[in-house]
N, C-alpha and C. Protein backbone atom coordinates (compact mmCIF):
# COMPACT_ATOMS: atom_id res chain seq x y z
N MET A 1 13.84 -39.47 25.48
CA MET A 1 12.41 -39.40 25.13
C MET A 1 11.74 -38.19 25.19
N ALA A 2 12.41 -37.51 26.17
CA ALA A 2 11.90 -35.72 26.16
C ALA A 2 13.00 -35.09 25.14
N LEU A 3 13.60 -35.75 24.33
CA LEU A 3 14.18 -34.62 23.81
C LEU A 3 13.54 -35.49 21.90
N THR A 4 13.59 -36.81 22.06
CA THR A 4 12.67 -36.93 20.86
C THR A 4 11.48 -35.70 20.22
N GLY A 5 10.72 -36.22 21.82
CA GLY A 5 9.26 -35.60 21.56
C GLY A 5 9.90 -33.68 21.10
N ALA A 6 10.73 -33.06 21.56
CA ALA A 6 11.24 -31.88 21.50
C ALA A 6 11.53 -31.37 20.37
N ALA A 7 12.16 -32.82 19.48
CA ALA A 7 12.68 -32.62 18.09
C ALA A 7 11.44 -32.56 17.41
N SER A 8 10.55 -33.06 17.57
CA SER A 8 9.12 -33.39 16.54
C SER A 8 8.63 -32.00 16.97
N GLY A 9 8.55 -32.29 17.89
CA GLY A 9 7.55 -30.61 17.97
C GLY A 9 8.46 -29.15 17.14
N ALA A 10 9.76 -29.33 17.11
CA ALA A 10 10.53 -28.12 16.79
C ALA A 10 10.35 -28.07 15.29
N LEU A 11 10.08 -29.71 14.81
CA LEU A 11 10.02 -29.50 13.20
C LEU A 11 8.46 -29.45 12.70
N LEU A 12 8.02 -29.72 13.53
CA LEU A 12 6.23 -29.04 12.89
C LEU A 12 5.88 -27.73 13.33
N ALA A 13 6.68 -26.76 14.04
CA ALA A 13 6.69 -25.42 14.83
C ALA A 13 7.45 -24.77 13.66
N ALA A 14 8.24 -25.05 13.04
CA ALA A 14 9.32 -24.23 12.03
C ALA A 14 8.76 -23.94 10.78
N PRO A 15 7.56 -24.54 10.18
CA PRO A 15 7.05 -24.37 9.06
C PRO A 15 6.14 -23.15 9.66
N VAL A 16 5.52 -23.38 10.67
CA VAL A 16 4.54 -22.77 10.68
C VAL A 16 5.18 -21.11 11.20
N ALA A 17 6.34 -21.32 11.92
CA ALA A 17 6.83 -19.92 12.20
C ALA A 17 7.32 -19.41 11.08
N ALA A 18 7.65 -19.91 9.74
CA ALA A 18 8.21 -19.29 8.51
C ALA A 18 7.14 -18.59 7.74
N VAL A 19 6.00 -19.82 7.57
CA VAL A 19 4.52 -19.40 6.97
C VAL A 19 3.82 -17.81 8.26
N LEU A 20 3.84 -17.88 9.02
CA LEU A 20 3.70 -16.42 9.74
C LEU A 20 4.46 -15.29 9.91
N THR A 21 5.76 -15.09 9.61
CA THR A 21 6.79 -14.56 9.61
C THR A 21 6.64 -13.92 7.91
N TRP A 22 6.61 -14.82 7.01
CA TRP A 22 6.09 -14.56 5.61
C TRP A 22 5.11 -13.99 5.58
N LEU A 23 3.63 -14.21 6.20
CA LEU A 23 2.38 -13.30 5.99
C LEU A 23 2.88 -11.93 6.72
N ALA A 24 3.63 -12.27 7.81
CA ALA A 24 3.45 -10.82 8.77
C ALA A 24 4.33 -9.66 7.89
N VAL A 25 5.27 -10.08 6.90
CA VAL A 25 6.04 -9.25 5.86
C VAL A 25 5.43 -9.13 4.86
N SER A 26 4.41 -10.09 4.35
CA SER A 26 3.85 -9.73 3.16
C SER A 26 2.76 -8.54 3.36
N TRP A 27 2.38 -8.82 4.68
CA TRP A 27 0.59 -7.77 5.28
C TRP A 27 1.82 -6.35 5.30
N GLN A 28 2.63 -6.43 5.88
CA GLN A 28 3.68 -4.93 5.90
C GLN A 28 3.29 -4.04 4.79
N GLY A 29 4.25 -5.35 3.67
CA GLY A 29 4.10 -4.36 2.72
C GLY A 29 3.11 -3.78 1.66
N HIS A 30 2.15 -4.71 1.86
CA HIS A 30 0.80 -4.36 1.81
C HIS A 30 0.53 -3.02 2.06
N VAL A 31 0.56 -2.59 3.30
CA VAL A 31 0.40 -1.40 4.73
C VAL A 31 1.10 -0.34 4.13
N ASP A 32 2.50 -0.90 3.76
CA ASP A 32 3.32 0.22 3.02
C ASP A 32 3.08 1.23 1.78
N VAL A 33 2.39 0.23 0.80
CA VAL A 33 1.88 0.62 -0.52
C VAL A 33 0.82 1.36 -0.30
N ARG A 34 0.32 1.04 1.12
CA ARG A 34 -1.11 1.78 1.11
C ARG A 34 -1.00 3.20 1.54
N VAL A 35 0.23 3.35 2.52
CA VAL A 35 0.65 4.43 3.13
C VAL A 35 0.82 5.55 2.13
N GLU A 36 1.85 4.70 1.04
CA GLU A 36 2.17 5.35 0.26
C GLU A 36 1.49 6.55 -0.72
N ARG A 37 0.25 5.40 -1.04
CA ARG A 37 -0.60 5.97 -2.12
C ARG A 37 -1.46 6.73 -1.37
N ASP A 38 -1.75 6.61 -0.02
CA ASP A 38 -2.46 7.72 0.47
C ASP A 38 -1.67 8.97 0.47
N THR A 39 -0.25 8.70 0.67
CA THR A 39 0.65 10.14 1.22
C THR A 39 0.34 10.56 -0.42
N ALA A 40 0.67 10.10 -1.40
CA ALA A 40 0.48 10.80 -2.52
C ALA A 40 -0.86 11.30 -3.09
N VAL A 41 -1.81 11.17 -3.03
CA VAL A 41 -3.35 11.23 -3.34
C VAL A 41 -3.23 12.93 -2.41
N ALA A 42 -3.05 12.66 -1.27
CA ALA A 42 -3.23 14.08 -0.11
C ALA A 42 -2.12 14.89 -0.74
N ARG A 43 -0.98 14.59 -1.54
CA ARG A 43 -0.40 15.26 -1.96
C ARG A 43 -0.71 16.21 -3.11
N ALA A 44 -1.41 15.24 -3.89
CA ALA A 44 -2.14 16.10 -5.39
C ALA A 44 -3.16 16.55 -5.31
N ASP A 45 -3.84 16.66 -3.84
CA ASP A 45 -5.14 16.56 -3.73
C ASP A 45 -4.50 18.46 -3.17
N ARG A 46 -3.90 18.54 -1.98
CA ARG A 46 -3.50 19.55 -1.86
C ARG A 46 -2.66 20.63 -2.85
N ALA A 47 -2.38 20.06 -3.47
CA ALA A 47 -1.72 21.01 -4.53
C ALA A 47 -2.52 21.35 -5.47
N ALA A 48 -3.90 20.90 -5.95
CA ALA A 48 -4.69 21.04 -6.66
C ALA A 48 -6.00 22.15 -5.64
N PHE A 49 -5.83 21.84 -4.81
CA PHE A 49 -6.77 23.24 -4.02
C PHE A 49 -5.85 24.24 -3.65
N VAL A 50 -4.70 24.44 -3.69
CA VAL A 50 -3.65 25.42 -3.36
C VAL A 50 -3.73 26.38 -5.28
N ALA A 51 -3.67 24.97 -6.10
CA ALA A 51 -3.70 26.21 -7.36
C ALA A 51 -5.53 26.41 -7.50
N GLY A 52 -6.47 26.22 -7.00
CA GLY A 52 -7.44 26.55 -7.23
C GLY A 52 -7.85 27.75 -6.06
N PHE A 53 -7.86 27.42 -5.22
CA PHE A 53 -7.56 28.89 -4.31
C PHE A 53 -6.68 30.04 -4.74
N GLU A 54 -5.50 29.78 -5.56
CA GLU A 54 -5.00 31.53 -5.56
C GLU A 54 -6.02 31.47 -7.16
N ARG A 55 -6.04 30.71 -7.95
CA ARG A 55 -7.06 31.08 -9.27
C ARG A 55 -8.45 31.83 -8.56
N ASP A 56 -8.45 31.47 -7.52
CA ASP A 56 -9.90 32.27 -7.24
C ASP A 56 -9.82 33.38 -6.66
N TRP A 57 -8.41 33.48 -5.58
CA TRP A 57 -8.22 34.21 -5.11
C TRP A 57 -7.75 35.45 -5.54
N ALA A 58 -7.08 35.50 -6.72
CA ALA A 58 -6.80 36.55 -7.66
C ALA A 58 -8.30 37.20 -8.61
N ALA A 59 -9.12 36.09 -8.56
CA ALA A 59 -10.43 36.47 -9.17
C ALA A 59 -10.92 37.22 -8.29
N ALA A 60 -11.27 37.16 -7.11
CA ALA A 60 -12.12 37.68 -6.42
C ALA A 60 -11.33 39.11 -5.68
N SER A 61 -10.03 38.93 -5.95
CA SER A 61 -9.24 40.40 -5.70
C SER A 61 -9.03 41.19 -6.77
N GLY A 62 -9.37 40.79 -7.82
CA GLY A 62 -9.09 41.59 -8.83
C GLY A 62 -7.88 42.04 -9.36
N GLN A 63 -7.02 41.02 -9.05
CA GLN A 63 -5.47 40.74 -9.04
C GLN A 63 -5.18 39.85 -10.28
N PRO A 64 -4.01 40.94 -11.04
CA PRO A 64 -3.88 39.86 -12.73
C PRO A 64 -3.52 38.19 -12.16
N ARG A 65 -4.30 37.36 -13.10
CA ARG A 65 -3.99 36.00 -12.84
C ARG A 65 -2.60 35.65 -13.30
N THR A 66 -1.64 35.10 -12.48
CA THR A 66 -0.28 34.80 -12.72
C THR A 66 -0.27 33.77 -13.66
N ALA A 67 0.80 33.13 -14.43
CA ALA A 67 0.82 32.37 -15.39
C ALA A 67 0.75 30.76 -14.39
N CYS A 68 0.65 30.30 -15.49
CA CYS A 68 0.50 28.62 -14.94
C CYS A 68 2.07 28.38 -14.68
N ASP A 69 2.03 27.79 -13.21
CA ASP A 69 3.86 27.40 -12.48
C ASP A 69 4.04 26.08 -13.55
N ALA A 70 5.22 25.66 -14.42
CA ALA A 70 5.09 24.87 -15.02
C ALA A 70 5.73 23.41 -13.83
N ASP A 71 6.57 24.02 -12.77
CA ASP A 71 6.61 23.09 -11.91
C ASP A 71 5.85 22.41 -10.86
N THR A 72 4.37 23.27 -10.77
CA THR A 72 3.55 23.00 -10.11
C THR A 72 2.51 21.91 -10.77
N THR A 73 2.38 22.22 -12.18
CA THR A 73 1.57 21.54 -13.37
C THR A 73 2.45 20.03 -12.84
N ALA A 74 3.84 20.12 -12.86
CA ALA A 74 4.41 18.76 -13.41
C ALA A 74 4.38 17.76 -12.21
N GLU A 75 4.60 18.30 -10.94
CA GLU A 75 4.28 17.74 -9.73
C GLU A 75 3.06 17.07 -9.54
N LEU A 76 2.34 17.80 -9.99
CA LEU A 76 0.63 17.53 -9.71
C LEU A 76 0.66 16.05 -10.44
N ALA A 77 1.18 16.11 -12.32
CA ALA A 77 0.87 14.91 -12.61
C ALA A 77 1.62 14.00 -12.02
N ARG A 78 2.97 14.13 -11.62
CA ARG A 78 3.68 12.95 -11.24
C ARG A 78 2.88 12.58 -10.25
N LEU A 79 2.72 13.30 -8.78
CA LEU A 79 1.63 12.51 -8.09
C LEU A 79 0.73 12.29 -8.43
N ARG A 80 -0.22 12.11 -9.67
CA ARG A 80 -1.47 11.72 -9.59
C ARG A 80 -0.88 10.05 -10.42
N LYS A 81 -0.10 10.45 -11.26
CA LYS A 81 1.00 8.91 -11.65
C LYS A 81 1.01 8.12 -10.89
N ARG A 82 2.03 8.75 -9.82
CA ARG A 82 2.39 7.66 -8.98
C ARG A 82 1.42 7.09 -8.18
N ALA A 83 0.40 8.00 -7.97
CA ALA A 83 -0.89 7.61 -7.18
C ALA A 83 -2.01 6.34 -7.76
N ALA A 84 -1.54 6.30 -9.40
CA ALA A 84 -2.44 5.65 -10.44
C ALA A 84 -1.33 3.93 -10.18
N GLU A 85 -0.25 4.31 -10.18
CA GLU A 85 0.67 3.01 -9.82
C GLU A 85 0.38 2.46 -8.95
N LEU A 86 0.33 2.97 -7.46
CA LEU A 86 0.44 2.70 -6.53
C LEU A 86 -1.09 2.09 -6.10
N GLU A 87 -1.97 2.41 -6.51
CA GLU A 87 -3.23 1.98 -6.91
C GLU A 87 -3.59 0.16 -7.60
N THR A 88 -2.77 0.08 -8.86
CA THR A 88 -2.97 -0.92 -9.25
C THR A 88 -1.69 -1.92 -8.64
N ARG A 89 -0.80 -1.73 -7.95
CA ARG A 89 -0.19 -2.42 -7.67
C ARG A 89 -0.71 -3.05 -5.90
N LEU A 90 -1.30 -1.97 -5.64
CA LEU A 90 -2.15 -1.99 -4.19
C LEU A 90 -3.30 -3.37 -4.83
N THR A 91 -4.18 -2.92 -5.92
CA THR A 91 -4.92 -4.01 -6.18
C THR A 91 -4.42 -5.60 -6.22
N GLY A 92 -3.23 -5.51 -6.99
CA GLY A 92 -2.90 -6.58 -7.30
C GLY A 92 -2.14 -7.48 -5.74
N SER A 93 -1.67 -6.38 -5.15
CA SER A 93 -1.56 -6.56 -3.73
C SER A 93 -2.69 -6.95 -2.70
N GLY A 94 -3.44 -7.00 -3.07
CA GLY A 94 -4.82 -7.37 -2.10
C GLY A 94 -5.00 -8.66 -2.94
N ALA A 95 -5.06 -9.15 -3.88
CA ALA A 95 -5.77 -10.25 -4.39
C ALA A 95 -4.62 -11.34 -4.17
N ASP A 96 -3.51 -10.74 -3.67
CA ASP A 96 -2.41 -12.00 -3.47
C ASP A 96 -2.44 -12.21 -2.30
N LEU A 97 -2.89 -11.36 -1.27
CA LEU A 97 -2.97 -11.59 -0.11
C LEU A 97 -4.39 -12.81 0.18
N GLU A 98 -5.26 -11.94 -0.60
CA GLU A 98 -6.40 -13.35 -0.70
C GLU A 98 -6.28 -14.64 -1.02
N ARG A 99 -5.26 -14.75 -2.30
CA ARG A 99 -4.80 -16.08 -2.79
C ARG A 99 -4.24 -16.94 -1.75
N ASP A 100 -3.54 -16.30 -0.91
CA ASP A 100 -2.32 -16.76 -0.21
C ASP A 100 -2.66 -17.64 1.42
N ARG A 101 -3.87 -16.52 1.87
CA ARG A 101 -4.57 -16.83 2.77
C ARG A 101 -5.57 -18.30 2.45
N THR A 102 -6.16 -18.47 1.49
CA THR A 102 -7.33 -19.72 0.82
C THR A 102 -6.22 -20.82 0.77
N GLU A 103 -4.86 -20.00 0.46
CA GLU A 103 -4.12 -21.31 -0.06
C GLU A 103 -3.55 -21.83 1.76
N LEU A 104 -3.11 -21.02 2.43
CA LEU A 104 -2.78 -21.48 3.74
C LEU A 104 -3.90 -22.61 4.55
N ARG A 105 -4.82 -21.75 4.70
CA ARG A 105 -6.10 -22.38 5.03
C ARG A 105 -6.47 -23.54 4.59
N ASN A 106 -6.13 -23.74 2.94
CA ASN A 106 -6.21 -24.85 2.59
C ASN A 106 -5.04 -25.97 3.09
N LEU A 107 -4.28 -25.58 2.96
CA LEU A 107 -3.36 -26.61 3.58
C LEU A 107 -3.56 -26.50 5.04
N VAL A 108 -3.90 -26.15 6.21
CA VAL A 108 -4.21 -26.18 7.74
C VAL A 108 -4.97 -27.32 7.72
N MET A 109 -6.52 -26.92 6.68
CA MET A 109 -7.25 -27.75 6.67
C MET A 109 -7.43 -29.54 6.65
N GLU A 110 -6.04 -29.63 5.49
CA GLU A 110 -5.47 -30.87 5.04
C GLU A 110 -4.79 -31.70 6.40
N ARG A 111 -3.53 -30.34 6.66
CA ARG A 111 -3.14 -31.02 8.01
C ARG A 111 -3.42 -31.90 9.14
N GLU A 112 -4.95 -31.14 9.18
CA GLU A 112 -5.56 -31.89 10.66
C GLU A 112 -6.15 -33.19 10.18
N ARG A 113 -6.10 -33.71 9.05
CA ARG A 113 -6.71 -34.77 8.70
C ARG A 113 -6.28 -35.90 8.65
């Protein structure tokens, strides 16, 4: 008799555990994208600041302005492009999480009936 109750409890708990695991993994993926986006934005901001500082320093000190560094410009463009791609992905990821949360809530409410 006790084995029957344990088996039915396991059958009910398995889908819930699977859904919770899936939500945790989905949320972790969302957080990873946010961290990568924030890192790309910070690196791009720092590169832009350094370029502006060097330009201003050269002007203030009377030194001749150095030519534009093609590698720095390319890196800055790459970082800004990557940040924009991650922002787009993050927007989609947030919408997916909200939709999934709504679906999960509806399923739980249906199951309680």
